[in-house]
PDB file of N, CA and C in Angstrom:
ATOM      1  N   UNK A   1      40.290 -51.023 -53.852  1.00  0.00           N
ATOM      2  CA  UNK A   1      41.617 -51.359 -53.356  1.00  0.00           C
ATOM      3  C   UNK A   1      41.481 -52.402 -52.256  1.00  0.00           C
ATOM      4  N   UNK A   2      42.253 -53.475 -52.304  1.00  0.00           N
ATOM      5  CA  UNK A   2      42.159 -54.512 -51.285  1.00  0.00           C
ATOM      6  C   UNK A   2      42.512 -53.970 -49.900  1.00  0.00           C
ATOM      7  N   UNK A   3      41.854 -54.521 -48.905  1.00  0.00           N
ATOM      8  CA  UNK A   3      42.074 -54.111 -47.512  1.00  0.00           C
ATOM      9  C   UNK A   3      43.540 -54.272 -47.114  1.00  0.00           C
ATOM     10  N   UNK A   4      44.241 -55.245 -47.679  1.00  0.00           N
ATOM     11  CA  UNK A   4      45.636 -55.501 -47.331  1.00  0.00           C
ATOM     12  C   UNK A   4      46.549 -54.343 -47.702  1.00  0.00           C
ATOM     13  N   UNK A   5      46.205 -53.603 -48.738  1.00  0.00           N
ATOM     14  CA  UNK A   5      47.064 -52.512 -49.193  1.00  0.00           C
ATOM     15  C   UNK A   5      46.894 -51.247 -48.362  1.00  0.00           C
ATOM     16  N   UNK A   6      45.787 -51.126 -47.631  1.00  0.00           N
ATOM     17  CA  UNK A   6      45.537 -49.917 -46.861  1.00  0.00           C
ATOM     18  C   UNK A   6      46.448 -49.856 -45.640  1.00  0.00           C
ATOM     19  N   UNK A   7      46.799 -48.633 -45.249  1.00  0.00           N
ATOM     20  CA  UNK A   7      47.651 -48.395 -44.086  1.00  0.00           C
ATOM     21  C   UNK A   7      46.769 -47.813 -42.994  1.00  0.00           C
ATOM     22  N   UNK A   8      46.865 -48.353 -41.779  1.00  0.00           N
ATOM     23  CA  UNK A   8      46.055 -47.868 -40.669  1.00  0.00           C
ATOM     24  C   UNK A   8      46.877 -46.877 -39.845  1.00  0.00           C
ATOM     25  N   UNK A   9      46.361 -45.645 -39.736  1.00  0.00           N
ATOM     26  CA  UNK A   9      47.058 -44.576 -39.016  1.00  0.00           C
ATOM     27  C   UNK A   9      46.164 -44.005 -37.936  1.00  0.00           C
ATOM     28  N   UNK A  10      46.779 -43.621 -36.831  1.00  0.00           N
ATOM     29  CA  UNK A  10      46.087 -42.816 -35.832  1.00  0.00           C
ATOM     30  C   UNK A  10      46.993 -41.642 -35.500  1.00  0.00           C
ATOM     31  N   UNK A  11      46.392 -40.596 -34.987  1.00  0.00           N
ATOM     32  CA  UNK A  11      47.109 -39.352 -34.778  1.00  0.00           C
ATOM     33  C   UNK A  11      47.020 -38.965 -33.309  1.00  0.00           C
ATOM     34  N   UNK A  12      48.184 -38.835 -32.667  1.00  0.00           N
ATOM     35  CA  UNK A  12      48.255 -38.494 -31.245  1.00  0.00           C
ATOM     36  C   UNK A  12      48.336 -36.978 -31.093  1.00  0.00           C
ATOM     37  N   UNK A  13      47.369 -36.416 -30.351  1.00  0.00           N
ATOM     38  CA  UNK A  13      47.314 -34.973 -30.126  1.00  0.00           C
ATOM     39  C   UNK A  13      48.197 -34.578 -28.950  1.00  0.00           C
ATOM     40  N   UNK A  14      48.345 -33.281 -28.748  1.00  0.00           N
ATOM     41  CA  UNK A  14      49.241 -32.724 -27.730  1.00  0.00           C
ATOM     42  C   UNK A  14      48.912 -33.182 -26.314  1.00  0.00           C
ATOM     43  N   UNK A  15      47.654 -33.518 -26.032  1.00  0.00           N
ATOM     44  CA  UNK A  15      47.266 -33.907 -24.682  1.00  0.00           C
ATOM     45  C   UNK A  15      47.242 -35.419 -24.469  1.00  0.00           C
ATOM     46  N   UNK A  16      47.700 -36.179 -25.472  1.00  0.00           N
ATOM     47  CA  UNK A  16      47.756 -37.629 -25.359  1.00  0.00           C
ATOM     48  C   UNK A  16      46.538 -38.349 -25.916  1.00  0.00           C
ATOM     49  N   UNK A  17      45.496 -37.605 -26.286  1.00  0.00           N
ATOM     50  CA  UNK A  17      44.322 -38.245 -26.894  1.00  0.00           C
ATOM     51  C   UNK A  17      44.604 -38.531 -28.364  1.00  0.00           C
ATOM     52  N   UNK A  18      43.792 -39.385 -28.949  1.00  0.00           N
ATOM     53  CA  UNK A  18      44.014 -39.810 -30.330  1.00  0.00           C
ATOM     54  C   UNK A  18      42.843 -39.436 -31.230  1.00  0.00           C
ATOM     55  N   UNK A  19      43.164 -39.213 -32.497  1.00  0.00           N
ATOM     56  CA  UNK A  19      42.175 -39.079 -33.558  1.00  0.00           C
ATOM     57  C   UNK A  19      42.401 -40.277 -34.465  1.00  0.00           C
ATOM     58  N   UNK A  20      41.368 -41.045 -34.697  1.00  0.00           N
ATOM     59  CA  UNK A  20      41.500 -42.234 -35.529  1.00  0.00           C
ATOM     60  C   UNK A  20      41.449 -43.471 -34.679  1.00  0.00           C
ATOM     61  N   UNK A  21      41.799 -44.605 -35.217  1.00  0.00           N
ATOM     62  CA  UNK A  21      42.557 -44.854 -36.435  1.00  0.00           C
ATOM     63  C   UNK A  21      41.684 -44.800 -37.695  1.00  0.00           C
ATOM     64  N   UNK A  22      42.338 -44.491 -38.799  1.00  0.00           N
ATOM     65  CA  UNK A  22      41.716 -44.438 -40.106  1.00  0.00           C
ATOM     66  C   UNK A  22      42.558 -45.266 -41.069  1.00  0.00           C
ATOM     67  N   UNK A  23      41.923 -45.760 -42.112  1.00  0.00           N
ATOM     68  CA  UNK A  23      42.623 -46.509 -43.160  1.00  0.00           C
ATOM     69  C   UNK A  23      42.878 -45.580 -44.341  1.00  0.00           C
ATOM     70  N   UNK A  24      44.104 -45.594 -44.839  1.00  0.00           N
ATOM     71  CA  UNK A  24      44.490 -44.746 -45.960  1.00  0.00           C
ATOM     72  C   UNK A  24      45.162 -45.570 -47.048  1.00  0.00           C
ATOM     73  N   UNK A  25      44.987 -45.106 -48.251  1.00  0.00           N
ATOM     74  CA  UNK A  25      45.703 -45.674 -49.387  1.00  0.00           C
ATOM     75  C   UNK A  25      47.165 -45.252 -49.285  1.00  0.00           C
ATOM     76  N   UNK A  26      48.095 -46.087 -49.704  1.00  0.00           N
ATOM     77  CA  UNK A  26      49.514 -45.703 -49.681  1.00  0.00           C
ATOM     78  C   UNK A  26      49.812 -44.477 -50.550  1.00  0.00           C
ATOM     79  N   UNK A  27      48.911 -44.148 -51.465  1.00  0.00           N
ATOM     80  CA  UNK A  27      49.134 -42.986 -52.338  1.00  0.00           C
ATOM     81  C   UNK A  27      48.566 -41.690 -51.761  1.00  0.00           C
ATOM     82  N   UNK A  28      47.882 -41.754 -50.616  1.00  0.00           N
ATOM     83  CA  UNK A  28      47.354 -40.541 -49.977  1.00  0.00           C
ATOM     84  C   UNK A  28      48.522 -39.666 -49.531  1.00  0.00           C
ATOM     85  N   UNK A  29      48.362 -38.350 -49.666  1.00  0.00           N
ATOM     86  CA  UNK A  29      49.444 -37.428 -49.304  1.00  0.00           C
ATOM     87  C   UNK A  29      49.284 -36.935 -47.870  1.00  0.00           C
ATOM     88  N   UNK A  30      50.356 -36.377 -47.340  1.00  0.00           N
ATOM     89  CA  UNK A  30      50.347 -35.812 -45.997  1.00  0.00           C
ATOM     90  C   UNK A  30      49.328 -34.675 -45.907  1.00  0.00           C
ATOM     91  N   UNK A  31      49.200 -33.875 -46.948  1.00  0.00           N
ATOM     92  CA  UNK A  31      48.216 -32.787 -46.915  1.00  0.00           C
ATOM     93  C   UNK A  31      46.794 -33.343 -46.806  1.00  0.00           C
ATOM     94  N   UNK A  32      46.522 -34.509 -47.407  1.00  0.00           N
ATOM     95  CA  UNK A  32      45.214 -35.150 -47.267  1.00  0.00           C
ATOM     96  C   UNK A  32      44.994 -35.607 -45.828  1.00  0.00           C
ATOM     97  N   UNK A  33      46.048 -36.111 -45.189  1.00  0.00           N
ATOM     98  CA  UNK A  33      45.953 -36.523 -43.786  1.00  0.00           C
ATOM     99  C   UNK A  33      45.628 -35.329 -42.900  1.00  0.00           C
ATOM    100  N   UNK A  34      46.285 -34.204 -43.158  1.00  0.00           N
ATOM    101  CA  UNK A  34      46.061 -32.998 -42.359  1.00  0.00           C
ATOM    102  C   UNK A  34      44.623 -32.495 -42.499  1.00  0.00           C
ATOM    103  N   UNK A  35      44.087 -32.558 -43.708  1.00  0.00           N
ATOM    104  CA  UNK A  35      42.692 -32.147 -43.925  1.00  0.00           C
ATOM    105  C   UNK A  35      41.745 -33.037 -43.123  1.00  0.00           C
ATOM    106  N   UNK A  36      42.018 -34.326 -43.097  1.00  0.00           N
ATOM    107  CA  UNK A  36      41.175 -35.263 -42.343  1.00  0.00           C
ATOM    108  C   UNK A  36      41.273 -34.974 -40.851  1.00  0.00           C
ATOM    109  N   UNK A  37      42.479 -34.726 -40.366  1.00  0.00           N
ATOM    110  CA  UNK A  37      42.668 -34.413 -38.944  1.00  0.00           C
ATOM    111  C   UNK A  37      41.890 -33.156 -38.587  1.00  0.00           C
ATOM    112  N   UNK A  38      41.973 -32.145 -39.437  1.00  0.00           N
ATOM    113  CA  UNK A  38      41.264 -30.891 -39.193  1.00  0.00           C
ATOM    114  C   UNK A  38      39.758 -31.128 -39.117  1.00  0.00           C
ATOM    115  N   UNK A  39      39.227 -31.951 -40.015  1.00  0.00           N
ATOM    116  CA  UNK A  39      37.787 -32.206 -40.018  1.00  0.00           C
ATOM    117  C   UNK A  39      37.342 -33.055 -38.826  1.00  0.00           C
ATOM    118  N   UNK A  40      38.231 -33.874 -38.292  1.00  0.00           N
ATOM    119  CA  UNK A  40      37.904 -34.761 -37.170  1.00  0.00           C
ATOM    120  C   UNK A  40      38.357 -34.198 -35.816  1.00  0.00           C
ATOM    121  N   UNK A  41      38.904 -32.986 -35.795  1.00  0.00           N
ATOM    122  CA  UNK A  41      39.471 -32.419 -34.565  1.00  0.00           C
ATOM    123  C   UNK A  41      38.399 -32.351 -33.476  1.00  0.00           C
ATOM    124  N   UNK A  42      38.689 -32.839 -32.267  1.00  0.00           N
ATOM    125  CA  UNK A  42      37.702 -32.792 -31.181  1.00  0.00           C
ATOM    126  C   UNK A  42      37.322 -31.351 -30.832  1.00  0.00           C
ATOM    127  N   UNK A  43      36.044 -31.123 -30.624  1.00  0.00           N
ATOM    128  CA  UNK A  43      35.533 -29.764 -30.369  1.00  0.00           C
ATOM    129  C   UNK A  43      35.857 -29.255 -28.972  1.00  0.00           C
ATOM    130  N   UNK A  44      36.195 -30.145 -28.042  1.00  0.00           N
ATOM    131  CA  UNK A  44      36.424 -29.742 -26.656  1.00  0.00           C
ATOM    132  C   UNK A  44      37.869 -29.345 -26.345  1.00  0.00           C
ATOM    133  N   UNK A  45      38.726 -29.286 -27.329  1.00  0.00           N
ATOM    134  CA  UNK A  45      40.143 -28.962 -27.105  1.00  0.00           C
ATOM    135  C   UNK A  45      40.351 -27.452 -27.019  1.00  0.00           C
ATOM    136  N   UNK A  46      41.316 -27.043 -26.181  1.00  0.00           N
ATOM    137  CA  UNK A  46      41.656 -25.621 -26.053  1.00  0.00           C
ATOM    138  C   UNK A  46      42.366 -25.114 -27.294  1.00  0.00           C
ATOM    139  N   UNK A  47      43.297 -25.897 -27.792  1.00  0.00           N
ATOM    140  CA  UNK A  47      44.079 -25.505 -28.960  1.00  0.00           C
ATOM    141  C   UNK A  47      43.440 -26.142 -30.187  1.00  0.00           C
ATOM    142  N   UNK A  48      43.028 -25.299 -31.126  1.00  0.00           N
ATOM    143  CA  UNK A  48      42.367 -25.780 -32.336  1.00  0.00           C
ATOM    144  C   UNK A  48      43.062 -25.166 -33.548  1.00  0.00           C
ATOM    145  N   UNK A  49      43.499 -25.986 -34.488  1.00  0.00           N
ATOM    146  CA  UNK A  49      44.112 -25.430 -35.704  1.00  0.00           C
ATOM    147  C   UNK A  49      43.043 -24.748 -36.561  1.00  0.00           C
ATOM    148  N   UNK A  50      43.401 -23.633 -37.173  1.00  0.00           N
ATOM    149  CA  UNK A  50      42.460 -22.921 -38.046  1.00  0.00           C
ATOM    150  C   UNK A  50      42.459 -23.495 -39.455  1.00  0.00           C
ATOM    151  N   UNK A  51      43.633 -23.894 -39.921  1.00  0.00           N
ATOM    152  CA  UNK A  51      43.754 -24.477 -41.252  1.00  0.00           C
ATOM    153  C   UNK A  51      44.636 -25.712 -41.173  1.00  0.00           C
ATOM    154  N   UNK A  52      44.658 -26.478 -42.240  1.00  0.00           N
ATOM    155  CA  UNK A  52      45.510 -27.669 -42.293  1.00  0.00           C
ATOM    156  C   UNK A  52      46.989 -27.289 -42.256  1.00  0.00           C
ATOM    157  N   UNK A  53      47.318 -26.080 -42.698  1.00  0.00           N
ATOM    158  CA  UNK A  53      48.713 -25.633 -42.670  1.00  0.00           C
ATOM    159  C   UNK A  53      49.212 -25.380 -41.253  1.00  0.00           C
ATOM    160  N   UNK A  54      48.296 -25.239 -40.291  1.00  0.00           N
ATOM    161  CA  UNK A  54      48.688 -25.054 -38.896  1.00  0.00           C
ATOM    162  C   UNK A  54      49.083 -26.377 -38.244  1.00  0.00           C
ATOM    163  N   UNK A  55      48.847 -27.483 -38.931  1.00  0.00           N
ATOM    164  CA  UNK A  55      49.118 -28.816 -38.390  1.00  0.00           C
ATOM    165  C   UNK A  55      50.455 -29.321 -38.921  1.00  0.00           C
ATOM    166  N   UNK A  56      51.271 -29.831 -38.019  1.00  0.00           N
ATOM    167  CA  UNK A  56      52.524 -30.492 -38.381  1.00  0.00           C
ATOM    168  C   UNK A  56      52.411 -31.945 -37.945  1.00  0.00           C
ATOM    169  N   UNK A  57      52.750 -32.860 -38.828  1.00  0.00           N
ATOM    170  CA  UNK A  57      52.743 -34.286 -38.502  1.00  0.00           C
ATOM    171  C   UNK A  57      54.170 -34.766 -38.308  1.00  0.00           C
ATOM    172  N   UNK A  58      54.382 -35.524 -37.250  1.00  0.00           N
ATOM    173  CA  UNK A  58      55.706 -36.050 -36.941  1.00  0.00           C
ATOM    174  C   UNK A  58      55.618 -37.567 -36.933  1.00  0.00           C
ATOM    175  N   UNK A  59      56.519 -38.183 -37.685  1.00  0.00           N
ATOM    176  CA  UNK A  59      56.583 -39.639 -37.745  1.00  0.00           C
ATOM    177  C   UNK A  59      58.054 -40.040 -37.764  1.00  0.00           C
ATOM    178  N   UNK A  60      58.419 -40.960 -36.912  1.00  0.00           N
ATOM    179  CA  UNK A  60      59.799 -41.440 -36.804  1.00  0.00           C
ATOM    180  C   UNK A  60      60.761 -40.283 -36.574  1.00  0.00           C
ATOM    181  N   UNK A  61      60.319 -39.283 -35.792  1.00  0.00           N
ATOM    182  CA  UNK A  61      61.176 -38.164 -35.435  1.00  0.00           C
ATOM    183  C   UNK A  61      61.343 -37.104 -36.504  1.00  0.00           C
ATOM    184  N   UNK A  62      60.575 -37.176 -37.579  1.00  0.00           N
ATOM    185  CA  UNK A  62      60.712 -36.209 -38.670  1.00  0.00           C
ATOM    186  C   UNK A  62      59.382 -35.534 -38.950  1.00  0.00           C
ATOM    187  N   UNK A  63      59.437 -34.233 -39.236  1.00  0.00           N
ATOM    188  CA  UNK A  63      58.248 -33.503 -39.663  1.00  0.00           C
ATOM    189  C   UNK A  63      57.987 -33.867 -41.116  1.00  0.00           C
ATOM    190  N   UNK A  64      56.774 -34.295 -41.393  1.00  0.00           N
ATOM    191  CA  UNK A  64      56.432 -34.777 -42.728  1.00  0.00           C
ATOM    192  C   UNK A  64      56.063 -33.626 -43.654  1.00  0.00           C
ATOM    193  N   UNK A  65      56.509 -33.724 -44.894  1.00  0.00           N
ATOM    194  CA  UNK A  65      56.221 -32.705 -45.903  1.00  0.00           C
ATOM    195  C   UNK A  65      54.885 -33.001 -46.558  1.00  0.00           C
ATOM    196  N   UNK A  66      54.145 -31.946 -46.930  1.00  0.00           N
ATOM    197  CA  UNK A  66      52.807 -32.089 -47.505  1.00  0.00           C
ATOM    198  C   UNK A  66      52.768 -32.977 -48.744  1.00  0.00           C
ATOM    199  N   UNK A  67      53.791 -32.966 -49.561  1.00  0.00           N
ATOM    200  CA  UNK A  67      53.787 -33.709 -50.806  1.00  0.00           C
ATOM    201  C   UNK A  67      54.105 -35.190 -50.675  1.00  0.00           C
ATOM    202  N   UNK A  68      54.579 -35.626 -49.506  1.00  0.00           N
ATOM    203  CA  UNK A  68      54.932 -37.036 -49.324  1.00  0.00           C
ATOM    204  C   UNK A  68      53.682 -37.898 -49.240  1.00  0.00           C
ATOM    205  N   UNK A  69      53.835 -39.140 -49.668  1.00  0.00           N
ATOM    206  CA  UNK A  69      52.714 -40.075 -49.594  1.00  0.00           C
ATOM    207  C   UNK A  69      52.810 -40.908 -48.320  1.00  0.00           C
ATOM    208  N   UNK A  70      51.721 -41.568 -47.988  1.00  0.00           N
ATOM    209  CA  UNK A  70      51.692 -42.439 -46.819  1.00  0.00           C
ATOM    210  C   UNK A  70      52.727 -43.554 -46.967  1.00  0.00           C
ATOM    211  N   UNK A  71      52.872 -44.073 -48.168  1.00  0.00           N
ATOM    212  CA  UNK A  71      53.862 -45.134 -48.406  1.00  0.00           C
ATOM    213  C   UNK A  71      55.273 -44.648 -48.085  1.00  0.00           C
ATOM    214  N   UNK A  72      55.587 -43.418 -48.429  1.00  0.00           N
ATOM    215  CA  UNK A  72      56.909 -42.866 -48.129  1.00  0.00           C
ATOM    216  C   UNK A  72      57.075 -42.636 -46.633  1.00  0.00           C
ATOM    217  N   UNK A  73      56.004 -42.294 -45.950  1.00  0.00           N
ATOM    218  CA  UNK A  73      56.069 -42.003 -44.514  1.00  0.00           C
ATOM    219  C   UNK A  73      56.211 -43.265 -43.674  1.00  0.00           C
ATOM    220  N   UNK A  74      55.654 -44.375 -44.139  1.00  0.00           N
ATOM    221  CA  UNK A  74      55.697 -45.596 -43.333  1.00  0.00           C
ATOM    222  C   UNK A  74      56.930 -46.441 -43.629  1.00  0.00           C
ATOM    223  N   UNK A  75      57.821 -45.960 -44.468  1.00  0.00           N
ATOM    224  CA  UNK A  75      59.006 -46.720 -44.875  1.00  0.00           C
ATOM    225  C   UNK A  75      59.771 -47.340 -43.707  1.00  0.00           C
ATOM    226  N   UNK A  76      60.033 -46.625 -42.588  1.00  0.00           N
ATOM    227  CA  UNK A  76      60.778 -47.270 -41.509  1.00  0.00           C
ATOM    228  C   UNK A  76      60.019 -48.425 -40.858  1.00  0.00           C
ATOM    229  N   UNK A  77      58.688 -48.507 -41.083  1.00  0.00           N
ATOM    230  CA  UNK A  77      57.879 -49.523 -40.420  1.00  0.00           C
ATOM    231  C   UNK A  77      57.488 -50.671 -41.340  1.00  0.00           C
ATOM    232  N   UNK A  78      58.046 -50.720 -42.535  1.00  0.00           N
ATOM    233  CA  UNK A  78      57.689 -51.763 -43.489  1.00  0.00           C
ATOM    234  C   UNK A  78      57.975 -53.168 -42.965  1.00  0.00           C
ATOM    235  N   UNK A  79      58.980 -53.324 -42.119  1.00  0.00           N
ATOM    236  CA  UNK A  79      59.368 -54.641 -41.632  1.00  0.00           C
ATOM    237  C   UNK A  79      58.445 -55.156 -40.526  1.00  0.00           C
ATOM    238  N   UNK A  80      57.687 -54.252 -39.900  1.00  0.00           N
ATOM    239  CA  UNK A  80      56.815 -54.652 -38.807  1.00  0.00           C
ATOM    240  C   UNK A  80      55.571 -55.342 -39.341  1.00  0.00           C
ATOM    241  N   UNK A  81      54.998 -56.255 -38.561  1.00  0.00           N
ATOM    242  CA  UNK A  81      53.734 -56.852 -38.990  1.00  0.00           C
ATOM    243  C   UNK A  81      52.658 -55.765 -39.039  1.00  0.00           C
ATOM    244  N   UNK A  82      51.607 -56.039 -39.789  1.00  0.00           N
ATOM    245  CA  UNK A  82      50.557 -55.043 -39.990  1.00  0.00           C
ATOM    246  C   UNK A  82      50.010 -54.567 -38.643  1.00  0.00           C
ATOM    247  N   UNK A  83      50.136 -53.282 -38.382  1.00  0.00           N
ATOM    248  CA  UNK A  83      49.645 -52.696 -37.141  1.00  0.00           C
ATOM    249  C   UNK A  83      49.330 -51.226 -37.387  1.00  0.00           C
ATOM    250  N   UNK A  84      48.776 -50.592 -36.382  1.00  0.00           N
ATOM    251  CA  UNK A  84      48.439 -49.177 -36.481  1.00  0.00           C
ATOM    252  C   UNK A  84      49.705 -48.357 -36.291  1.00  0.00           C
ATOM    253  N   UNK A  85      49.923 -47.394 -37.176  1.00  0.00           N
ATOM    254  CA  UNK A  85      51.064 -46.482 -37.066  1.00  0.00           C
ATOM    255  C   UNK A  85      50.561 -45.199 -36.429  1.00  0.00           C
ATOM    256  N   UNK A  86      51.239 -44.762 -35.371  1.00  0.00           N
ATOM    257  CA  UNK A  86      50.858 -43.533 -34.685  1.00  0.00           C
ATOM    258  C   UNK A  86      51.746 -42.395 -35.151  1.00  0.00           C
ATOM    259  N   UNK A  87      51.101 -41.301 -35.569  1.00  0.00           N
ATOM    260  CA  UNK A  87      51.818 -40.075 -35.940  1.00  0.00           C
ATOM    261  C   UNK A  87      51.449 -39.002 -34.918  1.00  0.00           C
ATOM    262  N   UNK A  88      52.401 -38.192 -34.561  1.00  0.00           N
ATOM    263  CA  UNK A  88      52.160 -37.136 -33.588  1.00  0.00           C
ATOM    264  C   UNK A  88      51.754 -35.855 -34.307  1.00  0.00           C
ATOM    265  N   UNK A  89      50.809 -35.145 -33.697  1.00  0.00           N
ATOM    266  CA  UNK A  89      50.258 -33.924 -34.275  1.00  0.00           C
ATOM    267  C   UNK A  89      50.672 -32.735 -33.418  1.00  0.00           C
ATOM    268  N   UNK A  90      51.238 -31.725 -34.069  1.00  0.00           N
ATOM    269  CA  UNK A  90      51.607 -30.483 -33.406  1.00  0.00           C
ATOM    270  C   UNK A  90      50.848 -29.357 -34.095  1.00  0.00           C
ATOM    271  N   UNK A  91      50.234 -28.487 -33.299  1.00  0.00           N
ATOM    272  CA  UNK A  91      49.537 -27.333 -33.866  1.00  0.00           C
ATOM    273  C   UNK A  91      50.473 -26.152 -33.759  1.00  0.00           C
ATOM    274  N   UNK A  92      50.808 -25.602 -34.914  1.00  0.00           N
ATOM    275  CA  UNK A  92      51.731 -24.477 -34.972  1.00  0.00           C
ATOM    276  C   UNK A  92      51.205 -23.492 -36.012  1.00  0.00           C
ATOM    277  N   UNK A  93      50.578 -22.397 -35.553  1.00  0.00           N
ATOM    278  CA  UNK A  93      50.061 -21.420 -36.519  1.00  0.00           C
ATOM    279  C   UNK A  93      51.187 -20.872 -37.380  1.00  0.00           C
ATOM    280  N   UNK A  94      50.856 -20.566 -38.622  1.00  0.00           N
ATOM    281  CA  UNK A  94      51.872 -20.022 -39.519  1.00  0.00           C
ATOM    282  C   UNK A  94      52.344 -18.669 -38.997  1.00  0.00           C
ATOM    283  N   UNK A  95      53.634 -18.351 -39.143  1.00  0.00           N
ATOM    284  CA  UNK A  95      54.196 -17.121 -38.576  1.00  0.00           C
ATOM    285  C   UNK A  95      53.558 -15.853 -39.135  1.00  0.00           C
ATOM    286  N   UNK A  96      53.147 -15.841 -40.382  1.00  0.00           N
ATOM    287  CA  UNK A  96      52.565 -14.623 -40.949  1.00  0.00           C
ATOM    288  C   UNK A  96      51.241 -14.297 -40.290  1.00  0.00           C
ATOM    289  N   UNK A  97      50.445 -15.306 -39.969  1.00  0.00           N
ATOM    290  CA  UNK A  97      49.174 -15.066 -39.297  1.00  0.00           C
ATOM    291  C   UNK A  97      49.407 -14.561 -37.884  1.00  0.00           C
ATOM    292  N   UNK A  98      50.365 -15.165 -37.189  1.00  0.00           N
ATOM    293  CA  UNK A  98      50.644 -14.759 -35.815  1.00  0.00           C
ATOM    294  C   UNK A  98      51.081 -13.306 -35.773  1.00  0.00           C
ATOM    295  N   UNK A  99      51.903 -12.878 -36.719  1.00  0.00           N
ATOM    296  CA  UNK A  99      52.345 -11.487 -36.751  1.00  0.00           C
ATOM    297  C   UNK A  99      51.189 -10.545 -37.034  1.00  0.00           C
ATOM    298  N   UNK A 100      50.337 -10.893 -37.996  1.00  0.00           N
ATOM    299  CA  UNK A 100      49.235 -10.004 -38.340  1.00  0.00           C
ATOM    300  C   UNK A 100      48.247  -9.907 -37.185  1.00  0.00           C
ATOM    301  N   UNK A 101      48.005 -11.003 -36.449  1.00  0.00           N
ATOM    302  CA  UNK A 101      47.126 -10.954 -35.290  1.00  0.00           C
ATOM    303  C   UNK A 101      47.723 -10.069 -34.207  1.00  0.00           C
ATOM    304  N   UNK A 102      49.025 -10.127 -34.030  1.00  0.00           N
ATOM    305  CA  UNK A 102      49.686  -9.311 -33.018  1.00  0.00           C
ATOM    306  C   UNK A 102      49.548  -7.828 -33.359  1.00  0.00           C
ATOM    307  N   UNK A 103      49.705  -7.483 -34.641  1.00  0.00           N
ATOM    308  CA  UNK A 103      49.554  -6.097 -35.063  1.00  0.00           C
ATOM    309  C   UNK A 103      48.145  -5.600 -34.813  1.00  0.00           C
ATOM    310  N   UNK A 104      47.149  -6.442 -35.074  1.00  0.00           N
ATOM    311  CA  UNK A 104      45.761  -6.048 -34.847  1.00  0.00           C
ATOM    312  C   UNK A 104      45.524  -5.792 -33.369  1.00  0.00           C
ATOM    313  N   UNK A 105      46.052  -6.655 -32.505  1.00  0.00           N
ATOM    314  CA  UNK A 105      45.909  -6.465 -31.070  1.00  0.00           C
ATOM    315  C   UNK A 105      46.560  -5.156 -30.633  1.00  0.00           C
ATOM    316  N   UNK A 106      47.730  -4.836 -31.194  1.00  0.00           N
ATOM    317  CA  UNK A 106      48.406  -3.602 -30.842  1.00  0.00           C
ATOM    318  C   UNK A 106      47.609  -2.383 -31.293  1.00  0.00           C
ATOM    319  N   UNK A 107      46.978  -2.477 -32.473  1.00  0.00           N
ATOM    320  CA  UNK A 107      46.189  -1.366 -32.976  1.00  0.00           C
ATOM    321  C   UNK A 107      44.933  -1.153 -32.143  1.00  0.00           C
ATOM    322  N   UNK A 108      44.341  -2.247 -31.641  1.00  0.00           N
ATOM    323  CA  UNK A 108      43.126  -2.142 -30.855  1.00  0.00           C
ATOM    324  C   UNK A 108      43.394  -1.656 -29.438  1.00  0.00           C
ATOM    325  N   UNK A 109      44.580  -1.871 -28.931  1.00  0.00           N
ATOM    326  CA  UNK A 109      44.911  -1.446 -27.573  1.00  0.00           C
ATOM    327  C   UNK A 109      44.953   0.081 -27.511  1.00  0.00           C
ATOM    328  N   UNK A 110      44.404   0.647 -26.450  1.00  0.00           N
ATOM    329  CA  UNK A 110      44.441   2.112 -26.345  1.00  0.00           C
ATOM    330  C   UNK A 110      45.880   2.603 -26.208  1.00  0.00           C
ATOM    331  N   UNK A 111      46.160   3.714 -26.836  1.00  0.00           N
ATOM    332  CA  UNK A 111      47.500   4.288 -26.781  1.00  0.00           C
ATOM    333  C   UNK A 111      47.715   4.917 -25.409  1.00  0.00           C
ATOM    334  N   UNK A 112      48.801   4.599 -24.826  1.00  0.00           N
ATOM    335  CA  UNK A 112      49.139   5.152 -23.514  1.00  0.00           C
ATOM    336  C   UNK A 112      50.367   6.029 -23.692  1.00  0.00           C
ATOM    337  N   UNK A 113      50.321   7.159 -23.063  1.00  0.00           N
ATOM    338  CA  UNK A 113      51.497   8.023 -23.117  1.00  0.00           C
ATOM    339  C   UNK A 113      52.120   8.044 -21.725  1.00  0.00           C
ATOM    340  N   UNK A 114      53.397   7.948 -21.718  1.00  0.00           N
ATOM    341  CA  UNK A 114      54.119   7.967 -20.464  1.00  0.00           C
ATOM    342  C   UNK A 114      55.017   9.195 -20.462  1.00  0.00           C
ATOM    343  N   UNK A 115      55.104   9.819 -19.319  1.00  0.00           N
ATOM    344  CA  UNK A 115      55.929  10.998 -19.173  1.00  0.00           C
ATOM    345  C   UNK A 115      56.874  10.756 -18.006  1.00  0.00           C
ATOM    346  N   UNK A 116      58.084  11.100 -18.188  1.00  0.00           N
ATOM    347  CA  UNK A 116      59.012  10.986 -17.078  1.00  0.00           C
ATOM    348  C   UNK A 116      59.864  12.248 -17.015  1.00  0.00           C
ATOM    349  N   UNK A 117      60.125  12.640 -15.813  1.00  0.00           N
ATOM    350  CA  UNK A 117      60.943  13.831 -15.594  1.00  0.00           C
ATOM    351  C   UNK A 117      62.123  13.456 -14.707  1.00  0.00           C
ATOM    352  N   UNK A 118      63.235  14.073 -14.978  1.00  0.00           N
ATOM    353  CA  UNK A 118      64.401  13.871 -14.145  1.00  0.00           C
ATOM    354  C   UNK A 118      64.828  15.207 -13.594  1.00  0.00           C
ATOM    355  N   UNK A 119      64.884  15.324 -12.294  1.00  0.00           N
ATOM    356  CA  UNK A 119      65.301  16.567 -11.653  1.00  0.00           C
ATOM    357  C   UNK A 119      66.693  16.341 -11.093  1.00  0.00           C
ATOM    358  N   UNK A 120      67.590  17.229 -11.468  1.00  0.00           N
ATOM    359  CA  UNK A 120      68.953  17.072 -11.010  1.00  0.00           C
ATOM    360  C   UNK A 120      69.322  18.116 -10.010  1.00  0.00           C
TER     361      UNK A 120
END
């Protein structure tokens, strides 16, 4: 694929640091981008996604769907001269995992019994 057809993307993390830039084919999907971000995630960060599904990509104020292609995502920027497009990365664990982890923590916590008496 000619270099001219590739789209250059970088990903801005929650603390302002960047992952990338990387060159992608316009046919690459958002889920492919998330997998790449996960594999390139800096090891020194406090917040680390466990899976690609924990990552949300935001571009032009919209959360991108996994099935969309890079070409569909860069549509608002087609008029700009060739430059790096920055997408914002949000780490948001899936709700089912968060609930199951909470239940495990509750089960591991020792049971405490409280007694209260009221004297009238």
